[in-house]
Every structure is written in structure tokens, then in C-alpha cells.
Amino acid sequence: MIYYLIMSSSDSLMISEIFYSLQGESTLAGKPCLFIRLAGCNLHCSWCDTPYALAGGQSMTLEEIMMEVEKYPVRLAELTGGEPLIQENSYRLMEMLLDSGRAVMLETGGHMDIGQVDSRVKIIYDIKCPGSGMSDRNLWGNLFLLKPDDEIKFVIASEDDFNWAADVVREYSLGSRHEVLFSPVSGSLEPGDLAAWIIRDCVPARLQLQLHRLLWDGERGR
């Protein structure tokens, strides 16, 4: 089943959780970060590690969200999900966060048009491998909209996924244009195996382990 949300309010978002932790992924891993997790997703990846965010959530106005954000001293914020871009007001929230002096990151799947995302936002762009069951939803034209400092992530469940991702990296010359992240699916692929394949094939990608899982075993809100 694929879950999604249609927002009716002109100034609200469905929020799964807002929490302060360490950035667990990307080249900013290890830095303090405020996470705003939006509820709802229009994909259903086989390895989804946040199923509680696929639906539900709490309706909050943009003003209420910003009031909650102001409780935390950190200046780095990330919108994640679910899939943030299925909610139209996510664009406005990112602008508000930026205008408040924060650095903003967006974690989004490879199936959503990123053309409307504010150019000041650092995008972590998740291209779906075949093992996710969602690779047919990737929008390849988005690769030409990404900025040089945006990062591209592949979540890899098997050697077949690895070979597919490596071919995409080479076909689009991604390694010379962006930081490329290869992340193993927890419980399905040993990190050491993925590391060995990257070395073997000399793929211009960075092995990425989820720091929050190593520290807190995927505990919600961490």
C-alpha cells in the first residue's frame, strides 16, 4: 500500500516529529541538527526505516512549527520524512527557516520534482535502487537541477543494487559533479561487503553508515 497526504489547510503541515540530535547521514554527519520530520509518503520502499512517518502526524501551522524550532539553539535544520515535498507548505517552511538565519537541508526521494526548492537549501537526493521496489519512480531530469553542493544518496540492499547504482553514477558522471553516498540497508547488507565492492570497482562514492543507528540503534527521536 502507498500512503500519501493531501493538505487542505493553507498554512499548516502534518508533522510526525520535531527533535534535536546529531546529523546521522551526509557529509555533515556528526553535527548537531534540528530535524523536522513531515508525515506522509507517496512511496513504500521495501526497506523503509521510518514506517511510523508514512501516515498520520500532527497538524501544525507554520507559525507553530517556527515557535517550536526557536526552542533549540542549533542553526542547522533538516526537513525529512516520509517525503517532505508531497506537502506544498514544505517549500514555505524551508524559506522561513532560511530567512531566520539557519542552514537548511532537505532529504527527498528521487521521484519528486525539486525545481521549486529554494536554491539556498542543501538537498540530499535519494535515488531509489531496484531493491527498494520503487526504482521505476525516479525522475532522472532532477539530476540536472541539482546544485554542486547537493549530495546524492543510494540506499543499497544487495550486490545487484550496488551494480545498478554504480552504473548510474558512471552514466551521469555523478562522482565529478556531486558527493555520492552509498548506504547499506541495515540488516540486509553488511557494511564491509559494500565497502569491498566500492574498493573493488573504484566507484567514486563515499561509504555512509547511519551514525544515529550506531549510537542509538534507530531509537525514535534520536
Protein backbone atom coordinates (compact mmCIF):
# COMPACT_ATOMS: atom_id res chain seq x y z
CA MET A 1 0.00 0.00 0.00
CA ILE A 2 1.23 3.51 -0.82
CA TYR A 3 0.42 6.22 1.71
CA TYR A 4 0.07 9.90 0.91
CA LEU A 5 -1.47 13.06 2.30
CA ILE A 6 -3.43 15.84 0.68
CA MET A 7 -3.26 19.04 2.69
CA SER A 8 -6.34 21.26 2.90
CA SER A 9 -5.09 23.97 5.24
CA SER A 10 -3.37 26.94 3.66
CA ASP A 11 -0.79 27.42 6.41
CA SER A 12 -0.18 24.05 8.04
CA LEU A 13 1.84 20.87 7.69
CA MET A 14 1.37 17.36 9.02
CA ILE A 15 4.33 16.77 11.32
CA SER A 16 5.48 13.36 12.53
CA GLU A 17 8.07 14.70 14.97
CA ILE A 18 10.48 17.55 15.67
CA PHE A 19 13.64 16.65 17.54
CA TYR A 20 17.20 17.79 18.22
CA SER A 21 20.03 15.32 17.66
CA LEU A 22 23.18 14.75 15.64
CA GLN A 23 23.07 14.64 11.87
CA GLY A 24 23.39 10.93 11.14
CA GLU A 25 23.99 10.97 7.40
CA SER A 26 25.54 13.04 4.60
CA THR A 27 28.92 14.79 4.73
CA LEU A 28 27.58 16.75 7.73
CA ALA A 29 27.22 13.59 9.83
CA GLY A 30 28.07 14.20 13.45
CA LYS A 31 26.96 17.83 13.58
CA PRO A 32 24.13 18.97 15.89
CA CYS A 33 20.94 19.32 13.86
CA LEU A 34 17.25 20.01 14.36
CA PHE A 35 15.06 17.55 12.48
CA ILE A 36 11.57 18.33 11.26
CA ARG A 37 10.05 15.06 10.12
CA LEU A 38 6.99 15.54 7.92
CA ALA A 39 4.33 12.84 7.87
CA GLY A 40 3.16 11.07 4.74
CA CYS A 41 4.85 9.46 1.77
CA ASN A 42 3.81 8.56 -1.77
CA LEU A 43 6.28 5.66 -1.94
CA HIS A 44 6.52 2.43 0.01
CA CYS A 45 10.17 1.34 -0.06
CA SER A 46 10.79 -2.24 0.99
CA TRP A 47 13.48 -1.18 3.48
CA CYS A 48 11.76 1.91 4.91
CA ASP A 49 13.24 2.64 8.36
CA THR A 50 10.60 5.17 9.43
CA PRO A 51 7.27 3.41 8.78
CA TYR A 52 5.63 5.44 11.53
CA ALA A 53 6.02 8.51 9.31
CA LEU A 54 4.16 7.04 6.34
CA ALA A 55 0.86 8.44 7.57
CA GLY A 56 -0.74 10.22 10.50
CA GLY A 57 1.11 13.03 12.21
CA GLN A 58 0.01 16.21 13.94
CA SER A 59 -1.26 19.26 12.09
CA MET A 60 0.83 22.33 12.93
CA THR A 61 0.71 25.80 11.44
CA LEU A 62 3.91 27.23 10.04
CA GLU A 63 3.94 29.71 12.92
CA GLU A 64 3.63 26.89 15.47
CA ILE A 65 6.46 25.00 13.81
CA MET A 66 8.72 28.04 13.89
CA MET A 67 7.86 28.63 17.56
CA GLU A 68 8.93 25.05 18.29
CA VAL A 69 12.09 25.50 16.24
CA GLU A 70 13.04 28.59 18.23
CA LYS A 71 13.27 26.47 21.40
CA TYR A 72 16.50 24.94 20.11
CA PRO A 73 19.85 26.76 19.83
CA VAL A 74 21.13 24.85 16.80
CA ARG A 75 21.42 26.67 13.46
CA LEU A 76 21.29 23.60 11.20
CA ALA A 77 17.85 22.21 10.35
CA GLU A 78 16.72 19.34 8.14
CA LEU A 79 13.35 18.55 6.62
CA THR A 80 12.89 14.83 6.26
CA GLY A 81 10.05 12.32 6.18
CA GLY A 82 8.22 10.46 4.96
CA GLU A 83 8.54 12.57 1.86
CA PRO A 84 8.55 16.31 2.65
CA LEU A 85 7.78 17.54 -0.86
CA ILE A 86 4.33 15.98 -1.06
CA GLN A 87 3.19 18.78 1.25
CA GLU A 88 3.09 22.09 -0.58
CA ASN A 89 3.83 24.17 2.51
CA SER A 90 7.19 22.46 2.94
CA TYR A 91 8.62 24.96 0.44
CA ARG A 92 7.42 27.89 2.54
CA LEU A 93 8.75 26.31 5.74
CA MET A 94 12.20 25.95 4.19
CA GLU A 95 12.14 29.60 3.17
CA MET A 96 11.13 30.64 6.69
CA LEU A 97 13.93 28.58 8.22
CA LEU A 98 16.45 30.08 5.81
CA ASP A 99 15.24 33.61 6.44
CA SER A 100 15.66 33.03 10.18
CA GLY A 101 19.39 32.54 9.60
CA ARG A 102 19.51 28.76 9.62
CA ALA A 103 21.28 26.42 7.25
CA VAL A 104 18.67 24.08 5.82
CA MET A 105 18.91 20.56 4.46
CA LEU A 106 16.22 18.61 2.62
CA GLU A 107 16.12 14.83 2.39
CA THR A 108 13.93 13.91 -0.55
CA GLY A 109 13.34 10.88 -2.74
CA GLY A 110 14.34 10.68 -6.38
CA HIS A 111 10.71 10.77 -7.51
CA MET A 112 9.76 14.35 -6.58
CA ASP A 113 10.33 17.43 -8.74
CA ILE A 114 12.93 19.60 -6.99
CA GLY A 115 12.56 22.58 -9.31
CA GLN A 116 10.72 24.68 -6.70
CA VAL A 117 13.18 24.09 -3.85
CA ASP A 118 14.91 27.30 -2.69
CA SER A 119 18.44 27.40 -4.08
CA ARG A 120 19.82 28.03 -0.57
CA VAL A 121 18.71 24.58 0.58
CA LYS A 122 21.23 21.72 0.60
CA ILE A 123 19.47 18.74 -0.97
CA ILE A 124 20.22 15.14 -0.04
CA TYR A 125 18.74 13.40 -3.06
CA ASP A 126 17.83 9.74 -2.60
CA ILE A 127 17.85 7.77 -5.86
CA LYS A 128 15.83 4.59 -5.37
CA CYS A 129 17.61 1.35 -6.27
CA PRO A 130 15.68 -1.69 -7.59
CA GLY A 131 15.79 -3.35 -4.18
CA SER A 132 13.53 -0.63 -2.82
CA GLY A 133 10.77 -1.67 -5.22
CA MET A 134 10.45 1.97 -6.26
CA SER A 135 13.20 2.49 -8.87
CA ASP A 136 10.67 2.99 -11.64
CA ARG A 137 9.58 6.22 -9.92
CA ASN A 138 12.93 8.02 -10.23
CA LEU A 139 12.80 11.35 -12.09
CA TRP A 140 16.10 11.43 -13.93
CA GLY A 141 15.68 15.02 -15.10
CA ASN A 142 16.17 16.13 -11.50
CA LEU A 143 19.86 15.25 -11.76
CA PHE A 144 20.33 18.31 -13.96
CA LEU A 145 18.65 20.57 -11.40
CA LEU A 146 20.92 19.66 -8.51
CA LYS A 147 23.49 22.22 -7.32
CA PRO A 148 27.18 21.28 -6.94
CA ASP A 149 26.93 21.16 -3.13
CA ASP A 150 23.86 18.89 -3.16
CA GLU A 151 24.51 15.25 -2.34
CA ILE A 152 23.17 12.07 -3.94
CA LYS A 153 22.38 9.02 -1.85
CA PHE A 154 21.82 5.40 -2.87
CA VAL A 155 20.42 3.01 -0.27
CA ILE A 156 21.76 -0.40 -1.25
CA ALA A 157 20.29 -3.75 -0.26
CA SER A 158 22.34 -6.19 -2.37
CA GLU A 159 25.17 -6.53 -4.88
CA ASP A 160 22.60 -6.16 -7.67
CA ASP A 161 21.63 -2.78 -6.18
CA PHE A 162 25.31 -1.87 -5.94
CA ASN A 163 25.97 -2.70 -9.59
CA TRP A 164 22.88 -0.74 -10.65
CA ALA A 165 23.90 2.28 -8.58
CA ALA A 166 27.49 2.16 -9.86
CA ASP A 167 26.18 2.16 -13.44
CA VAL A 168 24.02 5.23 -12.69
CA VAL A 169 26.99 7.04 -11.14
CA ARG A 170 29.07 6.37 -14.24
CA GLU A 171 26.32 7.09 -16.78
CA TYR A 172 25.61 10.54 -15.33
CA SER A 173 29.21 11.28 -14.21
CA LEU A 174 27.83 11.91 -10.74
CA GLY A 175 31.15 11.48 -8.96
CA SER A 176 32.63 14.51 -10.69
CA ARG A 177 29.58 16.68 -10.00
CA HIS A 178 28.39 15.77 -6.51
CA GLU A 179 29.24 13.98 -3.32
CA VAL A 180 27.83 10.46 -3.82
CA LEU A 181 26.81 8.40 -0.79
CA PHE A 182 26.36 4.62 -0.76
CA SER A 183 24.47 3.43 2.32
CA PRO A 184 23.81 -0.24 3.18
CA VAL A 185 20.33 -1.34 4.24
CA SER A 186 20.56 -2.19 7.93
CA GLY A 187 20.06 -5.90 8.49
CA SER A 188 20.21 -6.75 4.79
CA LEU A 189 23.74 -5.84 3.69
CA GLU A 190 26.93 -5.93 5.72
CA PRO A 191 28.79 -2.59 5.55
CA GLY A 192 32.05 -4.46 5.00
CA ASP A 193 30.67 -6.08 1.85
CA LEU A 194 29.58 -2.72 0.45
CA ALA A 195 32.99 -1.26 1.30
CA ALA A 196 34.71 -4.13 -0.52
CA TRP A 197 32.62 -3.59 -3.65
CA ILE A 198 33.33 0.16 -3.69
CA ILE A 199 37.05 -0.58 -3.45
CA ARG A 200 36.91 -3.40 -5.99
CA ASP A 201 35.15 -1.32 -8.65
CA CYS A 202 36.74 2.01 -7.69
CA VAL A 203 33.34 3.72 -7.60
CA PRO A 204 33.60 7.46 -6.82
CA ALA A 205 31.29 7.17 -3.83
CA ARG A 206 31.55 7.54 -0.08
CA LEU A 207 30.53 4.67 2.18
CA GLN A 208 27.88 6.07 4.51
CA LEU A 209 26.83 4.43 7.75
CA GLN A 210 23.87 5.80 9.68
CA LEU A 211 25.50 7.37 12.71
CA HIS A 212 22.23 7.56 14.65
CA ARG A 213 21.79 3.80 14.28
CA LEU A 214 25.30 3.13 15.51
CA LEU A 215 24.79 5.39 18.52
CA TRP A 216 21.15 4.78 19.44
CA ASP A 217 20.09 1.68 17.47
CA GLY A 218 17.48 3.61 15.50
CA GLU A 219 15.64 4.87 18.58
CA ARG A 220 12.86 7.22 17.54
CA GLY A 221 13.59 10.89 18.10
CA ARG A 222 17.37 10.37 18.09
